Amino acid sequence: MTSFSNNSGNRIEKIKALLAPLQPTHMDITDDSHKHAGHVGARSGGGHYHLLIVSPQFENKPIMTRHRMIYSALDEMMKHDIHALTITACTPEEL
């Protein structure tokens, strides 16, 4: 069984750092990995996260573009550290 508690804080801090160029006015990251114990992705060590990110850079951009911006910023982490990412991306006005 893989333990996520050791890596969770480090991964969340790394996610925040990688998303900093999007200039978020608010960001909340929840590690839901414990809910997926035994799941195929969990066995390989990849975590399950929920991300709420608010940024003026999302202004006039469709959801898919916002998600691509996030996935692009997290590129390397998506290959190993993150198995699943639920994203809520909005502008300050949409929050």
PDB file of N, CA and C in Angstrom:
ATOM      1  N   MET A   1       0.850  -1.175   0.000  1.00  0.00           N
ATOM      2  CA  MET A   1       0.000   0.000   0.000  1.00  0.00           C
ATOM      3  C   MET A   1       0.894   1.236   0.000  1.00  0.00           C
ATOM      4  N   THR A   2       0.530   2.233  -0.805  1.00  0.00           N
ATOM      5  CA  THR A   2       1.302   3.456  -0.910  1.00  0.00           C
ATOM      6  C   THR A   2       0.806   4.474   0.097  1.00  0.00           C
ATOM      7  N   SER A   3       1.722   5.135   0.762  1.00  0.00           N
ATOM      8  CA  SER A   3       1.349   6.175   1.711  1.00  0.00           C
ATOM      9  C   SER A   3       1.477   7.531   1.039  1.00  0.00           C
ATOM     10  N   PHE A   4       0.428   8.333   1.129  1.00  0.00           N
ATOM     11  CA  PHE A   4       0.437   9.641   0.498  1.00  0.00           C
ATOM     12  C   PHE A   4       0.791  10.752   1.468  1.00  0.00           C
ATOM     13  N   SER A   5       0.698  10.477   2.755  1.00  0.00           N
ATOM     14  CA  SER A   5       0.886  11.537   3.737  1.00  0.00           C
ATOM     15  C   SER A   5       2.285  12.148   3.670  1.00  0.00           C
ATOM     16  N   ASN A   6       3.295  11.359   3.359  1.00  0.00           N
ATOM     17  CA  ASN A   6       4.656  11.876   3.295  1.00  0.00           C
ATOM     18  C   ASN A   6       4.857  12.844   2.141  1.00  0.00           C
ATOM     19  N   ASN A   7       4.241  12.564   1.014  1.00  0.00           N
ATOM     20  CA  ASN A   7       4.447  13.372  -0.174  1.00  0.00           C
ATOM     21  C   ASN A   7       3.405  14.462  -0.359  1.00  0.00           C
ATOM     22  N   SER A   8       2.281  14.352   0.304  1.00  0.00           N
ATOM     23  CA  SER A   8       1.156  15.240   0.062  1.00  0.00           C
ATOM     24  C   SER A   8       1.519  16.718   0.207  1.00  0.00           C
ATOM     25  N   GLY A   9       2.100  17.090   1.319  1.00  0.00           N
ATOM     26  CA  GLY A   9       2.460  18.488   1.548  1.00  0.00           C
ATOM     27  C   GLY A   9       3.454  19.004   0.535  1.00  0.00           C
ATOM     28  N   ASN A  10       4.452  18.197   0.227  1.00  0.00           N
ATOM     29  CA  ASN A  10       5.450  18.595  -0.765  1.00  0.00           C
ATOM     30  C   ASN A  10       4.822  18.762  -2.145  1.00  0.00           C
ATOM     31  N   ARG A  11       3.939  17.838  -2.506  1.00  0.00           N
ATOM     32  CA  ARG A  11       3.287  17.921  -3.810  1.00  0.00           C
ATOM     33  C   ARG A  11       2.396  19.148  -3.899  1.00  0.00           C
ATOM     34  N   ILE A  12       1.657  19.418  -2.849  1.00  0.00           N
ATOM     35  CA  ILE A  12       0.778  20.590  -2.860  1.00  0.00           C
ATOM     36  C   ILE A  12       1.600  21.865  -2.990  1.00  0.00           C
ATOM     37  N   GLU A  13       2.700  21.957  -2.277  1.00  0.00           N
ATOM     38  CA  GLU A  13       3.565  23.138  -2.390  1.00  0.00           C
ATOM     39  C   GLU A  13       4.146  23.262  -3.796  1.00  0.00           C
ATOM     40  N   LYS A  14       4.510  22.141  -4.388  1.00  0.00           N
ATOM     41  CA  LYS A  14       5.049  22.159  -5.755  1.00  0.00           C
ATOM     42  C   LYS A  14       3.971  22.581  -6.752  1.00  0.00           C
ATOM     43  N   ILE A  15       2.746  22.084  -6.569  1.00  0.00           N
ATOM     44  CA  ILE A  15       1.630  22.489  -7.436  1.00  0.00           C
ATOM     45  C   ILE A  15       1.436  23.995  -7.341  1.00  0.00           C
ATOM     46  N   LYS A  16       1.406  24.523  -6.116  1.00  0.00           N
ATOM     47  CA  LYS A  16       1.232  25.967  -5.922  1.00  0.00           C
ATOM     48  C   LYS A  16       2.338  26.754  -6.618  1.00  0.00           C
ATOM     49  N   ALA A  17       3.566  26.292  -6.485  1.00  0.00           N
ATOM     50  CA  ALA A  17       4.697  26.991  -7.110  1.00  0.00           C
ATOM     51  C   ALA A  17       4.592  26.973  -8.629  1.00  0.00           C
ATOM     52  N   LEU A  18       4.206  25.840  -9.182  1.00  0.00           N
ATOM     53  CA  LEU A  18       4.101  25.732 -10.638  1.00  0.00           C
ATOM     54  C   LEU A  18       2.945  26.547 -11.205  1.00  0.00           C
ATOM     55  N   LEU A  19       1.908  26.751 -10.399  1.00  0.00           N
ATOM     56  CA  LEU A  19       0.746  27.526 -10.848  1.00  0.00           C
ATOM     57  C   LEU A  19       0.898  29.025 -10.557  1.00  0.00           C
ATOM     58  N   ALA A  20       1.929  29.413  -9.816  1.00  0.00           N
ATOM     59  CA  ALA A  20       2.147  30.823  -9.468  1.00  0.00           C
ATOM     60  C   ALA A  20       2.197  31.754 -10.688  1.00  0.00           C
ATOM     61  N   PRO A  21       2.787  31.344 -11.822  1.00  0.00           N
ATOM     62  CA  PRO A  21       2.802  32.236 -12.987  1.00  0.00           C
ATOM     63  C   PRO A  21       1.395  32.600 -13.502  1.00  0.00           C
ATOM     64  N   LEU A  22       0.374  31.831 -13.119  1.00  0.00           N
ATOM     65  CA  LEU A  22      -0.994  32.179 -13.511  1.00  0.00           C
ATOM     66  C   LEU A  22      -1.551  33.295 -12.634  1.00  0.00           C
ATOM     67  N   GLN A  23      -0.766  33.749 -11.682  1.00  0.00           N
ATOM     68  CA  GLN A  23      -1.099  34.850 -10.785  1.00  0.00           C
ATOM     69  C   GLN A  23      -2.463  34.652 -10.106  1.00  0.00           C
ATOM     70  N   PRO A  24      -2.636  33.527  -9.429  1.00  0.00           N
ATOM     71  CA  PRO A  24      -3.924  33.290  -8.780  1.00  0.00           C
ATOM     72  C   PRO A  24      -4.180  34.273  -7.636  1.00  0.00           C
ATOM     73  N   THR A  25      -5.422  34.721  -7.544  1.00  0.00           N
ATOM     74  CA  THR A  25      -5.830  35.553  -6.417  1.00  0.00           C
ATOM     75  C   THR A  25      -6.341  34.672  -5.281  1.00  0.00           C
ATOM     76  N   HIS A  26      -6.656  33.436  -5.609  1.00  0.00           N
ATOM     77  CA  HIS A  26      -7.076  32.441  -4.619  1.00  0.00           C
ATOM     78  C   HIS A  26      -6.758  31.063  -5.179  1.00  0.00           C
ATOM     79  N   MET A  27      -6.277  30.176  -4.310  1.00  0.00           N
ATOM     80  CA  MET A  27      -6.004  28.804  -4.729  1.00  0.00           C
ATOM     81  C   MET A  27      -6.205  27.894  -3.526  1.00  0.00           C
ATOM     82  N   ASP A  28      -6.954  26.827  -3.752  1.00  0.00           N
ATOM     83  CA  ASP A  28      -7.174  25.840  -2.713  1.00  0.00           C
ATOM     84  C   ASP A  28      -6.948  24.463  -3.341  1.00  0.00           C
ATOM     85  N   ILE A  29      -6.082  23.678  -2.739  1.00  0.00           N
ATOM     86  CA  ILE A  29      -5.774  22.340  -3.249  1.00  0.00           C
ATOM     87  C   ILE A  29      -6.080  21.336  -2.154  1.00  0.00           C
ATOM     88  N   THR A  30      -6.914  20.358  -2.492  1.00  0.00           N
ATOM     89  CA  THR A  30      -7.281  19.310  -1.555  1.00  0.00           C
ATOM     90  C   THR A  30      -6.729  17.991  -2.055  1.00  0.00           C
ATOM     91  N   ASP A  31      -6.046  17.262  -1.186  1.00  0.00           N
ATOM     92  CA  ASP A  31      -5.523  15.941  -1.516  1.00  0.00           C
ATOM     93  C   ASP A  31      -6.594  14.904  -1.161  1.00  0.00           C
ATOM     94  N   ASP A  32      -7.187  14.310  -2.181  1.00  0.00           N
ATOM     95  CA  ASP A  32      -8.223  13.288  -2.001  1.00  0.00           C
ATOM     96  C   ASP A  32      -7.676  11.877  -2.198  1.00  0.00           C
ATOM     97  N   SER A  33      -6.364  11.723  -2.158  1.00  0.00           N
ATOM     98  CA  SER A  33      -5.729  10.437  -2.446  1.00  0.00           C
ATOM     99  C   SER A  33      -6.217   9.330  -1.523  1.00  0.00           C
ATOM    100  N   HIS A  34      -6.473   9.657  -0.265  1.00  0.00           N
ATOM    101  CA  HIS A  34      -6.912   8.640   0.696  1.00  0.00           C
ATOM    102  C   HIS A  34      -8.234   7.999   0.286  1.00  0.00           C
ATOM    103  N   LYS A  35      -9.027   8.702  -0.507  1.00  0.00           N
ATOM    104  CA  LYS A  35     -10.312   8.166  -0.970  1.00  0.00           C
ATOM    105  C   LYS A  35     -10.138   7.145  -2.086  1.00  0.00           C
ATOM    106  N   HIS A  36      -8.929   7.046  -2.612  1.00  0.00           N
ATOM    107  CA  HIS A  36      -8.671   6.191  -3.772  1.00  0.00           C
ATOM    108  C   HIS A  36      -7.652   5.095  -3.474  1.00  0.00           C
ATOM    109  N   ALA A  37      -7.485   4.759  -2.216  1.00  0.00           N
ATOM    110  CA  ALA A  37      -6.551   3.691  -1.833  1.00  0.00           C
ATOM    111  C   ALA A  37      -6.936   2.409  -2.554  1.00  0.00           C
ATOM    112  N   GLY A  38      -5.954   1.762  -3.150  1.00  0.00           N
ATOM    113  CA  GLY A  38      -6.200   0.532  -3.894  1.00  0.00           C
ATOM    114  C   GLY A  38      -6.508   0.755  -5.363  1.00  0.00           C
ATOM    115  N   HIS A  39      -6.814   1.987  -5.734  1.00  0.00           N
ATOM    116  CA  HIS A  39      -7.090   2.336  -7.125  1.00  0.00           C
ATOM    117  C   HIS A  39      -5.798   2.167  -7.928  1.00  0.00           C
ATOM    118  N   VAL A  40      -5.913   1.771  -9.173  1.00  0.00           N
ATOM    119  CA  VAL A  40      -4.732   1.510 -10.008  1.00  0.00           C
ATOM    120  C   VAL A  40      -3.772   2.696  -9.995  1.00  0.00           C
ATOM    121  N   GLY A  41      -4.279   3.916 -10.175  1.00  0.00           N
ATOM    122  CA  GLY A  41      -3.421   5.099 -10.179  1.00  0.00           C
ATOM    123  C   GLY A  41      -2.781   5.341  -8.832  1.00  0.00           C
ATOM    124  N   ALA A  42      -3.485   5.003  -7.775  1.00  0.00           N
ATOM    125  CA  ALA A  42      -2.951   5.193  -6.430  1.00  0.00           C
ATOM    126  C   ALA A  42      -1.779   4.254  -6.179  1.00  0.00           C
ATOM    127  N   ARG A  43      -1.848   3.059  -6.734  1.00  0.00           N
ATOM    128  CA  ARG A  43      -0.769   2.080  -6.531  1.00  0.00           C
ATOM    129  C   ARG A  43       0.551   2.548  -7.119  1.00  0.00           C
ATOM    130  N   SER A  44       0.488   3.344  -8.182  1.00  0.00           N
ATOM    131  CA  SER A  44       1.725   3.823  -8.804  1.00  0.00           C
ATOM    132  C   SER A  44       2.283   5.056  -8.099  1.00  0.00           C
ATOM    133  N   GLY A  45       1.559   5.548  -7.099  1.00  0.00           N
ATOM    134  CA  GLY A  45       2.048   6.691  -6.335  1.00  0.00           C
ATOM    135  C   GLY A  45       1.480   8.029  -6.739  1.00  0.00           C
ATOM    136  N   GLY A  46       0.716   8.068  -7.825  1.00  0.00           N
ATOM    137  CA  GLY A  46       0.107   9.321  -8.258  1.00  0.00           C
ATOM    138  C   GLY A  46      -1.047   9.699  -7.363  1.00  0.00           C
ATOM    139  N   GLY A  47      -1.119  10.968  -6.993  1.00  0.00           N
ATOM    140  CA  GLY A  47      -2.165  11.441  -6.098  1.00  0.00           C
ATOM    141  C   GLY A  47      -3.412  11.898  -6.832  1.00  0.00           C
ATOM    142  N   HIS A  48      -4.488  12.024  -6.074  1.00  0.00           N
ATOM    143  CA  HIS A  48      -5.771  12.530  -6.555  1.00  0.00           C
ATOM    144  C   HIS A  48      -6.007  13.866  -5.858  1.00  0.00           C
ATOM    145  N   TYR A  49      -6.184  14.930  -6.644  1.00  0.00           N
ATOM    146  CA  TYR A  49      -6.302  16.268  -6.083  1.00  0.00           C
ATOM    147  C   TYR A  49      -7.511  17.003  -6.650  1.00  0.00           C
ATOM    148  N   HIS A  50      -8.027  17.925  -5.839  1.00  0.00           N
ATOM    149  CA  HIS A  50      -9.041  18.866  -6.302  1.00  0.00           C
ATOM    150  C   HIS A  50      -8.424  20.252  -6.217  1.00  0.00           C
ATOM    151  N   LEU A  51      -8.508  20.996  -7.309  1.00  0.00           N
ATOM    152  CA  LEU A  51      -7.915  22.324  -7.388  1.00  0.00           C
ATOM    153  C   LEU A  51      -8.998  23.356  -7.649  1.00  0.00           C
ATOM    154  N   LEU A  52      -9.059  24.363  -6.788  1.00  0.00           N
ATOM    155  CA  LEU A  52      -9.854  25.562  -7.032  1.00  0.00           C
ATOM    156  C   LEU A  52      -8.848  26.677  -7.237  1.00  0.00           C
ATOM    157  N   ILE A  53      -8.886  27.279  -8.414  1.00  0.00           N
ATOM    158  CA  ILE A  53      -7.943  28.356  -8.714  1.00  0.00           C
ATOM    159  C   ILE A  53      -8.698  29.521  -9.342  1.00  0.00           C
ATOM    160  N   VAL A  54      -8.412  30.710  -8.839  1.00  0.00           N
ATOM    161  CA  VAL A  54      -9.043  31.935  -9.316  1.00  0.00           C
ATOM    162  C   VAL A  54      -7.936  32.829  -9.863  1.00  0.00           C
ATOM    163  N   SER A  55      -8.087  33.243 -11.115  1.00  0.00           N
ATOM    164  CA  SER A  55      -7.055  34.065 -11.730  1.00  0.00           C
ATOM    165  C   SER A  55      -7.663  35.008 -12.769  1.00  0.00           C
ATOM    166  N   PRO A  56      -7.192  36.246 -12.783  1.00  0.00           N
ATOM    167  CA  PRO A  56      -7.644  37.154 -13.838  1.00  0.00           C
ATOM    168  C   PRO A  56      -7.161  36.711 -15.219  1.00  0.00           C
ATOM    169  N   GLN A  57      -6.158  35.847 -15.278  1.00  0.00           N
ATOM    170  CA  GLN A  57      -5.666  35.357 -16.573  1.00  0.00           C
ATOM    171  C   GLN A  57      -6.689  34.461 -17.279  1.00  0.00           C
ATOM    172  N   PHE A  58      -7.711  34.019 -16.559  1.00  0.00           N
ATOM    173  CA  PHE A  58      -8.755  33.180 -17.167  1.00  0.00           C
ATOM    174  C   PHE A  58      -9.839  34.015 -17.850  1.00  0.00           C
ATOM    175  N   GLU A  59      -9.756  35.329 -17.698  1.00  0.00           N
ATOM    176  CA  GLU A  59     -10.748  36.230 -18.281  1.00  0.00           C
ATOM    177  C   GLU A  59     -10.885  35.989 -19.788  1.00  0.00           C
ATOM    178  N   ASN A  60     -12.116  35.837 -20.232  1.00  0.00           N
ATOM    179  CA  ASN A  60     -12.458  35.647 -21.653  1.00  0.00           C
ATOM    180  C   ASN A  60     -11.879  34.366 -22.254  1.00  0.00           C
ATOM    181  N   LYS A  61     -11.556  33.395 -21.406  1.00  0.00           N
ATOM    182  CA  LYS A  61     -11.038  32.112 -21.900  1.00  0.00           C
ATOM    183  C   LYS A  61     -12.042  31.016 -21.557  1.00  0.00           C
ATOM    184  N   PRO A  62     -12.317  30.141 -22.523  1.00  0.00           N
ATOM    185  CA  PRO A  62     -13.230  29.037 -22.229  1.00  0.00           C
ATOM    186  C   PRO A  62     -12.603  28.047 -21.246  1.00  0.00           C
ATOM    187  N   ILE A  63     -13.435  27.238 -20.645  1.00  0.00           N
ATOM    188  CA  ILE A  63     -12.998  26.253 -19.643  1.00  0.00           C
ATOM    189  C   ILE A  63     -11.859  25.387 -20.164  1.00  0.00           C
ATOM    190  N   MET A  64     -11.979  24.889 -21.373  1.00  0.00           N
ATOM    191  CA  MET A  64     -10.933  24.001 -21.915  1.00  0.00           C
ATOM    192  C   MET A  64      -9.578  24.720 -21.992  1.00  0.00           C
ATOM    193  N   THR A  65      -9.580  25.971 -22.359  1.00  0.00           N
ATOM    194  CA  THR A  65      -8.331  26.736 -22.427  1.00  0.00           C
ATOM    195  C   THR A  65      -7.746  26.920 -21.031  1.00  0.00           C
ATOM    196  N   ARG A  66      -8.602  27.199 -20.063  1.00  0.00           N
ATOM    197  CA  ARG A  66      -8.152  27.350 -18.684  1.00  0.00           C
ATOM    198  C   ARG A  66      -7.510  26.060 -18.192  1.00  0.00           C
ATOM    199  N   HIS A  67      -8.168  24.946 -18.484  1.00  0.00           N
ATOM    200  CA  HIS A  67      -7.628  23.644 -18.067  1.00  0.00           C
ATOM    201  C   HIS A  67      -6.302  23.360 -18.757  1.00  0.00           C
ATOM    202  N   ARG A  68      -6.187  23.707 -20.018  1.00  0.00           N
ATOM    203  CA  ARG A  68      -4.913  23.502 -20.736  1.00  0.00           C
ATOM    204  C   ARG A  68      -3.795  24.327 -20.121  1.00  0.00           C
ATOM    205  N   MET A  69      -4.118  25.535 -19.693  1.00  0.00           N
ATOM    206  CA  MET A  69      -3.119  26.391 -19.043  1.00  0.00           C
ATOM    207  C   MET A  69      -2.603  25.715 -17.770  1.00  0.00           C
ATOM    208  N   ILE A  70      -3.518  25.136 -17.024  1.00  0.00           N
ATOM    209  CA  ILE A  70      -3.157  24.458 -15.771  1.00  0.00           C
ATOM    210  C   ILE A  70      -2.354  23.200 -16.058  1.00  0.00           C
ATOM    211  N   TYR A  71      -2.836  22.371 -16.987  1.00  0.00           N
ATOM    212  CA  TYR A  71      -2.114  21.143 -17.324  1.00  0.00           C
ATOM    213  C   TYR A  71      -0.730  21.449 -17.883  1.00  0.00           C
ATOM    214  N   SER A  72      -0.611  22.517 -18.641  1.00  0.00           N
ATOM    215  CA  SER A  72       0.692  22.903 -19.177  1.00  0.00           C
ATOM    216  C   SER A  72       1.648  23.285 -18.044  1.00  0.00           C
ATOM    217  N   ALA A  73       1.151  24.025 -17.072  1.00  0.00           N
ATOM    218  CA  ALA A  73       1.988  24.432 -15.941  1.00  0.00           C
ATOM    219  C   ALA A  73       2.410  23.234 -15.090  1.00  0.00           C
ATOM    220  N   LEU A  74       1.539  22.222 -15.005  1.00  0.00           N
ATOM    221  CA  LEU A  74       1.808  21.048 -14.161  1.00  0.00           C
ATOM    222  C   LEU A  74       2.355  19.862 -14.959  1.00  0.00           C
ATOM    223  N   ASP A  75       2.793  20.102 -16.155  1.00  0.00           N
ATOM    224  CA  ASP A  75       3.182  19.059 -17.111  1.00  0.00           C
ATOM    225  C   ASP A  75       3.936  17.886 -16.500  1.00  0.00           C
ATOM    226  N   GLU A  76       5.080  18.121 -15.893  1.00  0.00           N
ATOM    227  CA  GLU A  76       5.896  17.022 -15.354  1.00  0.00           C
ATOM    228  C   GLU A  76       5.195  16.308 -14.201  1.00  0.00           C
ATOM    229  N   MET A  77       4.484  17.053 -13.375  1.00  0.00           N
ATOM    230  CA  MET A  77       3.786  16.425 -12.248  1.00  0.00           C
ATOM    231  C   MET A  77       2.662  15.513 -12.731  1.00  0.00           C
ATOM    232  N   MET A  78       2.047  15.875 -13.851  1.00  0.00           N
ATOM    233  CA  MET A  78       0.948  15.065 -14.382  1.00  0.00           C
ATOM    234  C   MET A  78       1.447  13.696 -14.851  1.00  0.00           C
ATOM    235  N   LYS A  79       2.709  13.580 -15.137  1.00  0.00           N
ATOM    236  CA  LYS A  79       3.262  12.317 -15.623  1.00  0.00           C
ATOM    237  C   LYS A  79       3.520  11.320 -14.498  1.00  0.00           C
ATOM    238  N   HIS A  80       3.753  11.805 -13.263  1.00  0.00           N
ATOM    239  CA  HIS A  80       4.136  10.894 -12.190  1.00  0.00           C
ATOM    240  C   HIS A  80       3.446  11.177 -10.860  1.00  0.00           C
ATOM    241  N   ASP A  81       3.367  12.445 -10.486  1.00  0.00           N
ATOM    242  CA  ASP A  81       2.905  12.809  -9.149  1.00  0.00           C
ATOM    243  C   ASP A  81       1.391  12.956  -9.027  1.00  0.00           C
ATOM    244  N   ILE A  82       0.744  13.287 -10.138  1.00  0.00           N
ATOM    245  CA  ILE A  82      -0.701  13.501 -10.119  1.00  0.00           C
ATOM    246  C   ILE A  82      -1.363  12.482 -11.028  1.00  0.00           C
ATOM    247  N   HIS A  83      -2.212  11.648 -10.443  1.00  0.00           N
ATOM    248  CA  HIS A  83      -2.956  10.683 -11.249  1.00  0.00           C
ATOM    249  C   HIS A  83      -4.281  11.284 -11.712  1.00  0.00           C
ATOM    250  N   ALA A  84      -4.931  12.040 -10.833  1.00  0.00           N
ATOM    251  CA  ALA A  84      -6.222  12.640 -11.165  1.00  0.00           C
ATOM    252  C   ALA A  84      -6.279  14.047 -10.595  1.00  0.00           C
ATOM    253  N   LEU A  85      -6.835  14.964 -11.392  1.00  0.00           N
ATOM    254  CA  LEU A  85      -6.951  16.352 -10.979  1.00  0.00           C
ATOM    255  C   LEU A  85      -8.325  16.873 -11.364  1.00  0.00           C
ATOM    256  N   THR A  86      -9.104  17.227 -10.371  1.00  0.00           N
ATOM    257  CA  THR A  86     -10.394  17.864 -10.595  1.00  0.00           C
ATOM    258  C   THR A  86     -10.157  19.361 -10.506  1.00  0.00           C
ATOM    259  N   ILE A  87     -10.578  20.092 -11.538  1.00  0.00           N
ATOM    260  CA  ILE A  87     -10.253  21.518 -11.631  1.00  0.00           C
ATOM    261  C   ILE A  87     -11.511  22.374 -11.625  1.00  0.00           C
ATOM    262  N   THR A  88     -11.484  23.389 -10.779  1.00  0.00           N
ATOM    263  CA  THR A  88     -12.445  24.492 -10.849  1.00  0.00           C
ATOM    264  C   THR A  88     -11.591  25.718 -11.068  1.00  0.00           C
ATOM    265  N   ALA A  89     -11.694  26.306 -12.261  1.00  0.00           N
ATOM    266  CA  ALA A  89     -10.889  27.467 -12.634  1.00  0.00           C
ATOM    267  C   ALA A  89     -11.811  28.613 -13.016  1.00  0.00           C
ATOM    268  N   CYS A  90     -11.699  29.714 -12.304  1.00  0.00           N
ATOM    269  CA  CYS A  90     -12.580  30.832 -12.580  1.00  0.00           C
ATOM    270  C   CYS A  90     -11.858  32.164 -12.424  1.00  0.00           C
ATOM    271  N   THR A  91     -12.503  33.218 -12.912  1.00  0.00           N
ATOM    272  CA  THR A  91     -11.985  34.555 -12.740  1.00  0.00           C
ATOM    273  C   THR A  91     -12.472  35.083 -11.396  1.00  0.00           C
ATOM    274  N   PRO A  92     -11.876  36.168 -10.907  1.00  0.00           N
ATOM    275  CA  PRO A  92     -12.354  36.753  -9.649  1.00  0.00           C
ATOM    276  C   PRO A  92     -13.839  37.127  -9.699  1.00  0.00           C
ATOM    277  N   GLU A  93     -14.307  37.569 -10.841  1.00  0.00           N
ATOM    278  CA  GLU A  93     -15.707  37.958 -10.999  1.00  0.00           C
ATOM    279  C   GLU A  93     -16.646  36.748 -10.957  1.00  0.00           C
ATOM    280  N   GLU A  94     -16.144  35.584 -11.340  1.00  0.00           N
ATOM    281  CA  GLU A  94     -16.977  34.373 -11.375  1.00  0.00           C
ATOM    282  C   GLU A  94     -17.063  33.676 -10.020  1.00  0.00           C
ATOM    283  N   LEU A  95     -16.179  34.011  -9.115  1.00  0.00           N
ATOM    284  CA  LEU A  95     -16.146  33.345  -7.814  1.00  0.00           C
ATOM    285  C   LEU A  95     -17.332  33.713  -6.963  1.00  0.00           C
TER     286      LEU A  95
END
